[in-house]
């Protein structure tokens, strides 16, 4: 992790940008609907520009963070941004505060992409990663009916999705999965509940048992704090259970390893850098996964290419097998990519890029056109 020693120049300027990016169609989960709002921290020094993204919504639904909380946390970190000498010192200051993982991710990646440009060294190289082809899964939200669900699945499979990740909730679970299994018998299905089921309700437990009959894996069946119930479900049904919201720190990843050993469960981890607090924490989780033979994939939160590029850096550092991951290009769900040179999916894979800075040629004029608020961060 030689990037931790990169020095932060004194002339760096920072600006928070809140944007509302038009989306192609509604994307619904068990906890709500996607709005297309994103917060960015733009950093500048010399001819280089860095950017980090906080993929938060206007309301604290997926996590406890939301647009205003990210903005206020970043303002409170202003002194550390201007006073820290290097990346390691800045991260030490950020991590002395609890929570606010997405805000920390945004700050860390903004600095790292700026310094990557200034040092003319890619972050893939800096983390000891390797560029390769990443297997892609498509995430399908809760649709109006089964016909729409089948249509979305066909569209994803036509461009080569290696697995379908289907959002479920009580009342929209068994029938959708049954329909997909009937229509596409050989396709991998991951049922993502986003914690919508109650482990003490027998009816919910029975529904998940029925889901297990049609899905290849279930993601985050129970609320984030309950890892034990997920381990029991995995053990009893003999099915892989992926943990998302439950794993928000490297320590939680260690708990997953202990539960797999105790229950003989098949718990795996959806590694989402914004949920974990950024690149450095995500790399720690990958090391734990390798040490304890925990399957992983890289998850997404409908990021733009700015956030997707961070996820690609993390993917480059995966040492073992990588399950199909959330690398759909941002133009799949936004009306337009934030990049002038967006990536494409070829036969179900995307080519991981390896270049200094942000990896992509960002269309700053387009970002400006969808910006609803800009907040400069001043010294003092």
Protein backbone atom coordinates (compact mmCIF):
# COMPACT_ATOMS: atom_id res chain seq x y z
CA UNK A 1 0.00 0.00 0.00
CA UNK A 2 2.63 2.52 -1.01
CA UNK A 3 -0.13 5.08 -1.69
CA UNK A 4 -0.38 5.62 2.09
CA UNK A 5 2.92 7.48 1.99
CA UNK A 6 1.90 9.84 -0.81
CA UNK A 7 2.31 13.44 0.29
CA UNK A 8 -0.64 15.84 0.07
CA UNK A 9 0.48 19.16 -1.44
CA UNK A 10 -0.38 22.39 0.33
CA UNK A 11 -2.09 23.97 -2.69
CA UNK A 12 -4.97 21.45 -2.92
CA UNK A 13 -8.43 23.00 -3.24
CA UNK A 14 -11.68 21.19 -2.49
CA UNK A 15 -15.28 21.61 -3.59
CA UNK A 16 -18.39 19.59 -2.70
CA UNK A 17 -20.76 19.03 -5.59
CA UNK A 18 -24.33 17.78 -5.21
CA UNK A 19 -25.79 16.52 -8.48
CA UNK A 20 -29.10 15.04 -9.57
CA UNK A 21 -28.41 12.87 -12.59
CA UNK A 22 -31.35 11.85 -14.80
CA UNK A 23 -32.05 8.11 -14.67
CA UNK A 24 -33.43 5.87 -17.42
CA UNK A 25 -36.09 4.12 -15.36
CA UNK A 26 -37.20 3.60 -11.79
CA UNK A 27 -35.06 1.30 -9.67
CA UNK A 28 -36.82 -0.04 -6.57
CA UNK A 29 -35.61 -2.13 -3.66
CA UNK A 30 -37.24 -3.37 -0.46
CA UNK A 31 -36.31 -0.12 1.29
CA UNK A 32 -37.21 2.47 -1.34
CA UNK A 33 -36.54 4.01 -4.74
CA UNK A 34 -33.37 5.35 -6.33
CA UNK A 35 -33.37 9.13 -6.93
CA UNK A 36 -30.21 9.73 -8.98
CA UNK A 37 -28.73 12.10 -6.39
CA UNK A 38 -24.99 11.92 -5.78
CA UNK A 39 -22.42 13.87 -3.74
CA UNK A 40 -18.89 14.38 -5.07
CA UNK A 41 -15.75 15.88 -3.56
CA UNK A 42 -13.62 17.46 -6.27
CA UNK A 43 -9.96 18.13 -5.46
CA UNK A 44 -7.50 20.12 -7.57
CA UNK A 45 -3.78 20.73 -7.60
CA UNK A 46 -1.78 21.99 -10.57
CA UNK A 47 -3.15 20.38 -13.73
CA UNK A 48 -4.61 17.38 -11.87
CA UNK A 49 -8.18 16.80 -10.73
CA UNK A 50 -9.35 14.14 -8.28
CA UNK A 51 -12.89 13.11 -7.41
CA UNK A 52 -14.65 10.89 -4.92
CA UNK A 53 -18.30 9.89 -4.84
CA UNK A 54 -20.72 9.27 -1.98
CA UNK A 55 -23.57 7.14 -3.41
CA UNK A 56 -26.14 8.30 -0.87
CA UNK A 57 -29.83 9.03 -1.22
CA UNK A 58 -31.80 12.00 0.12
CA UNK A 59 -33.04 9.72 2.93
CA UNK A 60 -31.16 7.32 5.28
CA UNK A 61 -32.63 4.10 3.87
CA UNK A 62 -29.77 1.84 2.72
CA UNK A 63 -27.57 3.14 5.53
CA UNK A 64 -27.70 5.88 8.14
CA UNK A 65 -26.05 8.31 5.75
CA UNK A 66 -27.78 10.74 3.42
CA UNK A 67 -26.91 13.80 1.35
CA UNK A 68 -26.88 16.34 4.17
CA UNK A 69 -24.96 14.07 6.55
CA UNK A 70 -22.20 13.57 3.96
CA UNK A 71 -21.96 17.31 3.38
CA UNK A 72 -21.82 18.15 7.10
CA UNK A 73 -19.28 15.42 7.90
CA UNK A 74 -17.02 16.61 5.09
CA UNK A 75 -17.24 20.19 6.35
CA UNK A 76 -16.19 18.99 9.80
CA UNK A 77 -13.21 17.20 8.23
CA UNK A 78 -12.03 20.37 6.50
CA UNK A 79 -9.19 20.98 8.96
CA UNK A 80 -7.83 17.47 8.43
CA UNK A 81 -8.04 17.86 4.67
CA UNK A 82 -5.85 20.95 4.75
CA UNK A 83 -3.51 19.97 7.60
CA UNK A 84 -2.70 16.30 6.89
CA UNK A 85 0.76 15.75 5.43
CA UNK A 86 0.10 12.42 3.73
CA UNK A 87 -2.62 9.85 3.05
CA UNK A 88 -1.88 7.74 6.12
CA UNK A 89 -2.23 10.75 8.42
CA UNK A 90 -5.50 11.81 6.78
CA UNK A 91 -7.00 8.31 7.06
CA UNK A 92 -5.96 8.11 10.71
CA UNK A 93 -7.85 11.34 11.38
CA UNK A 94 -10.92 10.24 9.41
CA UNK A 95 -11.06 6.85 11.11
CA UNK A 96 -10.94 8.37 14.57
CA UNK A 97 -14.62 9.22 13.95
CA UNK A 98 -17.34 6.59 13.99
CA UNK A 99 -19.52 5.69 11.03
CA UNK A 100 -19.91 8.02 8.05
CA UNK A 101 -18.36 5.37 5.82
CA UNK A 102 -19.61 6.78 2.53
CA UNK A 103 -18.39 10.26 3.34
CA UNK A 104 -14.98 8.82 4.29
CA UNK A 105 -14.90 6.88 1.03
CA UNK A 106 -15.61 10.00 -0.97
CA UNK A 107 -12.87 11.97 0.80
CA UNK A 108 -10.27 9.20 0.55
CA UNK A 109 -10.86 8.53 -3.14
CA UNK A 110 -10.87 12.20 -4.07
CA UNK A 111 -7.42 12.55 -2.52
CA UNK A 112 -6.12 9.28 -3.94
CA UNK A 113 -7.17 10.00 -7.52
CA UNK A 114 -5.62 13.45 -7.30
CA UNK A 115 -2.34 12.08 -5.94
CA UNK A 116 -2.39 9.22 -8.45
CA UNK A 117 -2.44 11.85 -11.19
CA UNK A 118 0.25 13.98 -9.54
CA UNK A 119 2.51 10.93 -9.03
CA UNK A 120 1.71 9.56 -12.50
CA UNK A 121 1.03 6.14 -10.98
CA UNK A 122 -2.20 4.21 -11.30
CA UNK A 123 -4.03 3.12 -8.17
CA UNK A 124 -4.20 -0.40 -9.57
CA UNK A 125 -0.40 -0.45 -9.53
CA UNK A 126 -0.27 1.28 -6.14
CA UNK A 127 -2.37 -1.44 -4.45
CA UNK A 128 -0.48 -4.26 -6.15
CA UNK A 129 -3.45 -5.11 -8.34
CA UNK A 130 -3.66 -6.38 -11.88
CA UNK A 131 -5.83 -5.37 -14.82
CA UNK A 132 -8.07 -8.18 -16.05
CA UNK A 133 -11.58 -8.89 -17.29
CA UNK A 134 -14.24 -8.56 -14.58
CA UNK A 135 -17.34 -10.80 -14.69
CA UNK A 136 -20.53 -8.72 -14.55
CA UNK A 137 -23.90 -9.38 -12.97
CA UNK A 138 -26.99 -7.24 -13.52
CA UNK A 139 -29.07 -5.99 -10.62
CA UNK A 140 -32.81 -5.90 -11.35
CA UNK A 141 -35.03 -3.82 -9.11
CA UNK A 142 -38.55 -4.64 -7.97
CA UNK A 143 -40.74 -4.34 -11.06
CA UNK A 144 -44.43 -3.66 -11.58
CA UNK A 145 -45.16 -7.22 -12.71
CA UNK A 146 -43.57 -10.47 -13.87
CA UNK A 147 -43.67 -9.47 -17.54
CA UNK A 148 -41.50 -6.43 -16.82
CA UNK A 149 -39.16 -8.59 -14.73
CA UNK A 150 -38.72 -11.10 -17.56
CA UNK A 151 -38.12 -8.26 -20.03
CA UNK A 152 -35.39 -6.75 -17.81
CA UNK A 153 -33.79 -10.17 -17.40
CA UNK A 154 -33.79 -10.77 -21.17
CA UNK A 155 -32.17 -7.40 -21.75
CA UNK A 156 -29.42 -8.19 -19.24
CA UNK A 157 -28.78 -11.65 -20.62
CA UNK A 158 -28.63 -10.28 -24.16
CA UNK A 159 -25.61 -8.16 -23.26
CA UNK A 160 -24.06 -11.12 -21.47
CA UNK A 161 -24.78 -10.79 -17.73
CA UNK A 162 -23.06 -13.67 -15.92
CA UNK A 163 -25.62 -13.66 -13.10
CA UNK A 164 -28.95 -11.96 -12.34
CA UNK A 165 -29.22 -10.22 -9.00
CA UNK A 166 -32.93 -9.81 -8.28
CA UNK A 167 -34.32 -7.55 -5.57
CA UNK A 168 -36.92 -9.24 -3.35
CA UNK A 169 -39.12 -8.42 -0.38
CA UNK A 170 -41.94 -10.23 1.45
CA UNK A 171 -44.72 -10.63 -1.11
CA UNK A 172 -42.34 -10.22 -4.06
CA UNK A 173 -39.96 -13.15 -3.77
CA UNK A 174 -40.95 -16.73 -4.56
CA UNK A 175 -43.08 -16.07 -7.64
CA UNK A 176 -40.53 -13.76 -9.35
CA UNK A 177 -37.72 -16.25 -8.76
CA UNK A 178 -39.89 -19.16 -9.86
CA UNK A 179 -40.75 -17.29 -13.07
CA UNK A 180 -37.10 -16.51 -13.79
CA UNK A 181 -36.02 -20.08 -13.08
CA UNK A 182 -38.71 -21.37 -15.45
CA UNK A 183 -37.86 -18.88 -18.18
CA UNK A 184 -34.06 -19.07 -17.83
CA UNK A 185 -33.27 -22.48 -16.27
CA UNK A 186 -29.50 -22.29 -16.61
CA UNK A 187 -28.97 -18.75 -15.34
CA UNK A 188 -27.45 -18.02 -11.93
CA UNK A 189 -29.93 -16.19 -9.67
CA UNK A 190 -29.00 -14.13 -6.62
CA UNK A 191 -31.99 -13.00 -4.53
CA UNK A 192 -31.20 -9.71 -2.75
CA UNK A 193 -33.50 -8.83 0.17
CA UNK A 194 -31.63 -5.82 1.61
CA UNK A 195 -32.55 -6.98 5.11
CA UNK A 196 -36.32 -7.06 4.48
CA UNK A 197 -37.10 -10.27 6.39
CA UNK A 198 -37.63 -10.68 10.14
CA UNK A 199 -35.81 -13.71 11.59
CA UNK A 200 -38.37 -14.16 14.38
CA UNK A 201 -41.36 -14.36 12.00
CA UNK A 202 -41.98 -17.94 10.98
CA UNK A 203 -43.77 -16.87 7.80
CA UNK A 204 -40.65 -14.97 6.69
CA UNK A 205 -38.46 -17.97 7.45
CA UNK A 206 -40.74 -20.17 5.35
CA UNK A 207 -40.66 -17.68 2.48
CA UNK A 208 -36.87 -17.66 2.49
CA UNK A 209 -36.85 -21.45 2.48
CA UNK A 210 -39.00 -21.34 -0.66
CA UNK A 211 -36.69 -18.68 -2.16
CA UNK A 212 -33.75 -21.03 -1.55
CA UNK A 213 -35.44 -23.63 -3.75
CA UNK A 214 -35.14 -21.35 -6.79
CA UNK A 215 -32.14 -19.08 -6.07
CA UNK A 216 -28.46 -20.00 -6.16
CA UNK A 217 -27.73 -17.56 -3.34
CA UNK A 218 -29.58 -15.13 -1.05
CA UNK A 219 -28.17 -11.72 -0.20
CA UNK A 220 -28.76 -9.92 3.11
CA UNK A 221 -31.99 -11.70 4.13
CA UNK A 222 -32.07 -10.20 7.63
CA UNK A 223 -31.38 -6.75 9.16
CA UNK A 224 -27.70 -5.70 9.29
CA UNK A 225 -27.03 -6.42 12.95
CA UNK A 226 -28.11 -10.07 12.79
CA UNK A 227 -25.31 -12.17 11.34
CA UNK A 228 -26.17 -15.30 13.32
CA UNK A 229 -29.60 -15.75 11.72
CA UNK A 230 -28.00 -15.50 8.28
CA UNK A 231 -25.48 -18.18 9.25
CA UNK A 232 -28.27 -20.45 10.48
CA UNK A 233 -30.27 -19.92 7.28
CA UNK A 234 -27.26 -20.80 5.17
CA UNK A 235 -26.50 -23.91 7.20
CA UNK A 236 -30.08 -25.18 7.32
CA UNK A 237 -30.82 -24.58 3.63
CA UNK A 238 -27.36 -25.45 2.33
CA UNK A 239 -27.26 -22.22 0.35
CA UNK A 240 -24.76 -19.39 -0.01
CA UNK A 241 -25.88 -16.32 1.93
CA UNK A 242 -24.16 -13.09 0.90
CA UNK A 243 -23.75 -10.38 3.53
CA UNK A 244 -23.96 -6.77 2.39
CA UNK A 245 -25.14 -4.20 4.94
CA UNK A 246 -23.97 -6.49 7.78
CA UNK A 247 -20.29 -6.12 6.86
CA UNK A 248 -19.40 -2.45 7.29
CA UNK A 249 -15.92 -2.91 8.80
CA UNK A 250 -13.04 -5.40 8.44
CA UNK A 251 -13.87 -6.65 11.96
CA UNK A 252 -17.28 -7.74 10.71
CA UNK A 253 -15.56 -9.77 8.00
CA UNK A 254 -13.72 -11.65 10.74
CA UNK A 255 -17.07 -12.38 12.39
CA UNK A 256 -18.24 -13.91 9.11
CA UNK A 257 -15.23 -16.23 9.15
CA UNK A 258 -15.96 -17.30 12.74
CA UNK A 259 -19.65 -17.96 11.97
CA UNK A 260 -18.78 -20.09 8.95
CA UNK A 261 -16.56 -22.19 11.17
CA UNK A 262 -19.10 -22.42 13.99
CA UNK A 263 -22.21 -23.20 11.92
CA UNK A 264 -20.68 -24.80 8.85
CA UNK A 265 -22.43 -22.04 6.90
CA UNK A 266 -21.69 -20.67 3.44
CA UNK A 267 -21.56 -16.97 4.23
CA UNK A 268 -19.87 -14.79 1.61
CA UNK A 269 -19.28 -11.04 1.37
CA UNK A 270 -20.47 -8.35 -1.00
CA UNK A 271 -17.48 -5.99 -0.85
CA UNK A 272 -18.85 -2.46 -1.34
CA UNK A 273 -16.11 0.12 -0.82
CA UNK A 274 -18.50 2.98 0.11
CA UNK A 275 -20.13 0.82 2.78
CA UNK A 276 -16.77 -0.18 4.20
CA UNK A 277 -15.25 3.30 4.29
CA UNK A 278 -13.12 3.25 1.17
CA UNK A 279 -10.23 1.59 -0.59
CA UNK A 280 -8.00 0.83 2.38
CA UNK A 281 -10.73 -0.86 4.45
CA UNK A 282 -11.88 -2.83 1.40
CA UNK A 283 -8.37 -4.18 0.83
CA UNK A 284 -8.28 -5.34 4.45
CA UNK A 285 -11.55 -7.23 3.91
CA UNK A 286 -10.11 -8.90 0.81
CA UNK A 287 -7.13 -10.10 2.82
CA UNK A 288 -9.45 -11.57 5.47
CA UNK A 289 -11.51 -13.27 2.78
CA UNK A 290 -8.43 -14.92 1.29
CA UNK A 291 -7.15 -16.06 4.70
CA UNK A 292 -10.51 -17.65 5.57
CA UNK A 293 -11.67 -18.88 2.13
CA UNK A 294 -14.67 -16.55 2.05
CA UNK A 295 -16.14 -15.99 -1.44
CA UNK A 296 -16.46 -12.34 -2.47
CA UNK A 297 -17.83 -10.14 -5.19
CA UNK A 298 -17.62 -6.38 -5.65
CA UNK A 299 -20.97 -4.73 -5.09
CA UNK A 300 -22.30 -1.45 -6.40
CA UNK A 301 -24.65 1.30 -5.33
CA UNK A 302 -25.58 2.60 -8.78
CA UNK A 303 -22.46 4.74 -8.82
CA UNK A 304 -21.31 6.88 -11.69
CA UNK A 305 -17.99 6.01 -13.34
CA UNK A 306 -16.25 7.91 -10.53
CA UNK A 307 -17.48 5.44 -7.94
CA UNK A 308 -17.21 2.53 -10.36
CA UNK A 309 -13.52 3.27 -10.90
CA UNK A 310 -12.89 2.88 -7.15
CA UNK A 311 -14.69 -0.47 -7.24
CA UNK A 312 -12.48 -1.50 -10.16
CA UNK A 313 -9.34 -0.69 -8.18
CA UNK A 314 -10.61 -2.93 -5.37
CA UNK A 315 -11.46 -5.68 -7.85
CA UNK A 316 -7.92 -5.53 -9.23
CA UNK A 317 -6.62 -6.57 -5.80
CA UNK A 318 -8.77 -9.70 -5.46
CA UNK A 319 -6.36 -12.62 -5.11
CA UNK A 320 -8.83 -15.50 -5.32
CA UNK A 321 -11.86 -16.14 -7.55
CA UNK A 322 -14.20 -13.20 -8.09
CA UNK A 323 -17.91 -13.91 -8.36
CA UNK A 324 -19.92 -11.90 -10.94
CA UNK A 325 -19.91 -8.33 -9.68
CA UNK A 326 -21.83 -5.05 -10.03
CA UNK A 327 -19.93 -3.53 -12.92
CA UNK A 328 -22.74 -2.49 -15.19
CA UNK A 329 -21.68 0.76 -16.93
CA UNK A 330 -23.36 3.84 -15.49
CA UNK A 331 -25.18 4.43 -18.77
CA UNK A 332 -27.17 1.26 -17.99
CA UNK A 333 -29.20 3.17 -15.38
CA UNK A 334 -28.40 6.85 -16.02
CA UNK A 335 -29.56 8.58 -19.18
CA UNK A 336 -25.96 9.51 -19.87
CA UNK A 337 -22.56 8.49 -18.53
CA UNK A 338 -20.43 10.96 -16.62
CA UNK A 339 -17.51 9.79 -18.74
CA UNK A 340 -16.59 10.82 -22.25
CA UNK A 341 -15.04 7.36 -22.61
CA UNK A 342 -17.41 4.99 -20.73
CA UNK A 343 -16.63 1.30 -20.58
CA UNK A 344 -18.66 -1.40 -22.32
CA UNK A 345 -19.57 -4.98 -21.51
CA UNK A 346 -18.24 -7.61 -23.88
CA UNK A 347 -19.51 -11.19 -23.48
CA UNK A 348 -20.38 -10.53 -19.86
CA UNK A 349 -17.04 -8.98 -18.89
CA UNK A 350 -15.60 -5.48 -18.57
CA UNK A 351 -11.94 -4.69 -19.12
CA UNK A 352 -10.36 -3.24 -15.99
CA UNK A 353 -8.50 -0.05 -16.81
CA UNK A 354 -5.09 0.82 -15.46
CA UNK A 355 -4.17 4.48 -15.74
CA UNK A 356 -3.25 7.31 -13.35
CA UNK A 357 -6.00 9.42 -11.85
CA UNK A 358 -9.68 8.65 -12.34
CA UNK A 359 -9.29 6.04 -15.15
CA UNK A 360 -12.00 7.87 -17.12
CA UNK A 361 -12.14 11.15 -19.01
CA UNK A 362 -14.87 12.82 -16.97
CA UNK A 363 -17.32 15.09 -18.77
CA UNK A 364 -17.04 17.99 -16.33
CA UNK A 365 -19.38 20.16 -18.40
CA UNK A 366 -22.12 17.54 -18.13
CA UNK A 367 -21.57 17.21 -14.39
CA UNK A 368 -21.87 20.98 -14.14
CA UNK A 369 -25.17 20.87 -16.03
CA UNK A 370 -26.74 18.42 -13.53
CA UNK A 371 -25.25 20.04 -10.42
CA UNK A 372 -27.79 21.46 -7.98
CA UNK A 373 -25.34 22.87 -5.42
CA UNK A 374 -21.60 23.56 -5.07
CA UNK A 375 -19.90 24.16 -1.72
CA UNK A 376 -16.26 25.31 -1.72
CA UNK A 377 -14.20 24.24 1.30
CA UNK A 378 -12.03 27.13 2.47
CA UNK A 379 -8.98 27.05 4.72
CA UNK A 380 -9.38 28.35 8.24
